[in-house]
Amino acid sequence: MIDPWQTALSVLFILILLVMIRLFKGPTAPDRVVALDAINTFTVCAILIFGVAFQETVYVDVAIVYAVLSFVGTLYLAKLVGRDI
């Protein structure tokens, strides 16, 4: 029987691949920033699913730190791209 966590991770992996297409083909820089932010969000979700699947609370801490760093990076990129517009 397929584990539901494997199914969820597979769906997230497929979504990350689809968003990577937008990241590389994006017609504008803001599209690429939004795609990168979506990939980071899906990665945080995947880390949390790993934590639930393996019943380890340390993954929650890692996901929180990654989310905060991702947020700061997105703010920096948005400010950088905002200057160009």
C-alpha atoms as a PDB file:
ATOM      1  CA  MET A   1       0.000   0.000   0.000  1.00  0.00           C
ATOM      2  CA  ILE A   2       1.256   3.474  -0.867  1.00  0.00           C
ATOM      3  CA  ASP A   3       2.013   5.674   2.098  1.00  0.00           C
ATOM      4  CA  PRO A   4      -0.022   8.928   2.005  1.00  0.00           C
ATOM      5  CA  TRP A   5       3.106  10.909   2.835  1.00  0.00           C
ATOM      6  CA  GLN A   6       4.817   9.559  -0.273  1.00  0.00           C
ATOM      7  CA  THR A   7       1.849  10.664  -2.348  1.00  0.00           C
ATOM      8  CA  ALA A   8       1.939  14.145  -0.853  1.00  0.00           C
ATOM      9  CA  LEU A   9       5.687  14.445  -1.440  1.00  0.00           C
ATOM     10  CA  SER A  10       5.279  13.223  -5.011  1.00  0.00           C
ATOM     11  CA  VAL A  11       2.635  15.861  -5.693  1.00  0.00           C
ATOM     12  CA  LEU A  12       4.860  18.551  -4.183  1.00  0.00           C
ATOM     13  CA  PHE A  13       7.792  17.393  -6.290  1.00  0.00           C
ATOM     14  CA  ILE A  14       5.678  17.582  -9.458  1.00  0.00           C
ATOM     15  CA  LEU A  15       4.492  21.060  -8.482  1.00  0.00           C
ATOM     16  CA  ILE A  16       8.072  22.175  -7.894  1.00  0.00           C
ATOM     17  CA  LEU A  17       9.033  20.921 -11.350  1.00  0.00           C
ATOM     18  CA  LEU A  18       6.118  22.796 -12.925  1.00  0.00           C
ATOM     19  CA  VAL A  19       7.027  26.008 -11.135  1.00  0.00           C
ATOM     20  CA  MET A  20      10.653  25.589 -12.229  1.00  0.00           C
ATOM     21  CA  ILE A  21       9.421  25.866 -15.801  1.00  0.00           C
ATOM     22  CA  ARG A  22       7.986  29.282 -14.929  1.00  0.00           C
ATOM     23  CA  LEU A  23      11.225  30.154 -13.142  1.00  0.00           C
ATOM     24  CA  PHE A  24      13.320  29.538 -16.255  1.00  0.00           C
ATOM     25  CA  LYS A  25      10.814  30.672 -18.901  1.00  0.00           C
ATOM     26  CA  GLY A  26       9.262  33.571 -16.995  1.00  0.00           C
ATOM     27  CA  PRO A  27       8.863  36.531 -19.306  1.00  0.00           C
ATOM     28  CA  THR A  28       9.583  39.108 -16.601  1.00  0.00           C
ATOM     29  CA  ALA A  29      11.712  39.312 -13.482  1.00  0.00           C
ATOM     30  CA  PRO A  30       8.710  39.574 -11.107  1.00  0.00           C
ATOM     31  CA  ASP A  31       7.385  36.300 -12.543  1.00  0.00           C
ATOM     32  CA  ARG A  32      10.681  34.662 -11.691  1.00  0.00           C
ATOM     33  CA  VAL A  33      10.658  36.064  -8.141  1.00  0.00           C
ATOM     34  CA  VAL A  34       7.131  34.744  -7.553  1.00  0.00           C
ATOM     35  CA  ALA A  35       8.132  31.344  -8.962  1.00  0.00           C
ATOM     36  CA  LEU A  36      11.151  31.198  -6.657  1.00  0.00           C
ATOM     37  CA  ASP A  37       8.951  32.090  -3.694  1.00  0.00           C
ATOM     38  CA  ALA A  38       6.493  29.340  -4.652  1.00  0.00           C
ATOM     39  CA  ILE A  39       9.337  26.811  -4.845  1.00  0.00           C
ATOM     40  CA  ASN A  40      10.481  27.874  -1.380  1.00  0.00           C
ATOM     41  CA  THR A  41       6.936  27.495  -0.040  1.00  0.00           C
ATOM     42  CA  PHE A  42       6.623  24.008  -1.508  1.00  0.00           C
ATOM     43  CA  THR A  43      10.019  23.124  -0.025  1.00  0.00           C
ATOM     44  CA  VAL A  44       8.872  24.217   3.433  1.00  0.00           C
ATOM     45  CA  CYS A  45       5.768  22.052   3.015  1.00  0.00           C
ATOM     46  CA  ALA A  46       7.931  19.094   1.979  1.00  0.00           C
ATOM     47  CA  ILE A  47      10.168  19.534   5.030  1.00  0.00           C
ATOM     48  CA  LEU A  48       7.106  19.575   7.281  1.00  0.00           C
ATOM     49  CA  ILE A  49       5.722  16.439   5.616  1.00  0.00           C
ATOM     50  CA  PHE A  50       9.078  14.727   6.191  1.00  0.00           C
ATOM     51  CA  GLY A  51       8.810  15.722   9.843  1.00  0.00           C
ATOM     52  CA  VAL A  52       5.353  14.227  10.177  1.00  0.00           C
ATOM     53  CA  ALA A  53       6.285  11.077   8.255  1.00  0.00           C
ATOM     54  CA  PHE A  54       9.392  10.390  10.357  1.00  0.00           C
ATOM     55  CA  GLN A  55       7.842  11.750  13.584  1.00  0.00           C
ATOM     56  CA  GLU A  56      10.764  14.098  14.208  1.00  0.00           C
ATOM     57  CA  THR A  57      10.156  17.559  15.638  1.00  0.00           C
ATOM     58  CA  VAL A  58      13.532  18.886  14.482  1.00  0.00           C
ATOM     59  CA  TYR A  59      12.132  19.158  10.953  1.00  0.00           C
ATOM     60  CA  VAL A  60       9.656  21.771  12.177  1.00  0.00           C
ATOM     61  CA  ASP A  61      12.531  23.904  13.450  1.00  0.00           C
ATOM     62  CA  VAL A  62      14.381  23.509  10.161  1.00  0.00           C
ATOM     63  CA  ALA A  63      11.231  24.444   8.225  1.00  0.00           C
ATOM     64  CA  ILE A  64      10.721  27.589  10.318  1.00  0.00           C
ATOM     65  CA  VAL A  65      14.312  28.732   9.818  1.00  0.00           C
ATOM     66  CA  TYR A  66      14.121  27.986   6.086  1.00  0.00           C
ATOM     67  CA  ALA A  67      10.821  29.879   5.797  1.00  0.00           C
ATOM     68  CA  VAL A  68      12.248  32.952   7.551  1.00  0.00           C
ATOM     69  CA  LEU A  69      15.363  32.957   5.374  1.00  0.00           C
ATOM     70  CA  SER A  70      13.220  32.455   2.283  1.00  0.00           C
ATOM     71  CA  PHE A  71      11.008  35.377   3.283  1.00  0.00           C
ATOM     72  CA  VAL A  72      13.992  37.679   3.784  1.00  0.00           C
ATOM     73  CA  GLY A  73      15.456  36.579   0.461  1.00  0.00           C
ATOM     74  CA  THR A  74      12.173  37.224  -1.322  1.00  0.00           C
ATOM     75  CA  LEU A  75      11.947  40.695   0.203  1.00  0.00           C
ATOM     76  CA  TYR A  76      15.468  41.461  -0.979  1.00  0.00           C
ATOM     77  CA  LEU A  77      14.756  40.205  -4.498  1.00  0.00           C
ATOM     78  CA  ALA A  78      11.481  42.137  -4.646  1.00  0.00           C
ATOM     79  CA  LYS A  79      13.278  45.320  -3.642  1.00  0.00           C
ATOM     80  CA  LEU A  80      16.005  44.652  -6.199  1.00  0.00           C
ATOM     81  CA  VAL A  81      13.490  43.968  -8.983  1.00  0.00           C
ATOM     82  CA  GLY A  82      11.360  46.929  -7.894  1.00  0.00           C
ATOM     83  CA  ARG A  83      14.201  49.318  -8.648  1.00  0.00           C
ATOM     84  CA  ASP A  84      14.313  48.159 -12.250  1.00  0.00           C
ATOM     85  CA  ILE A  85      10.628  48.792 -12.885  1.00  0.00           C
END
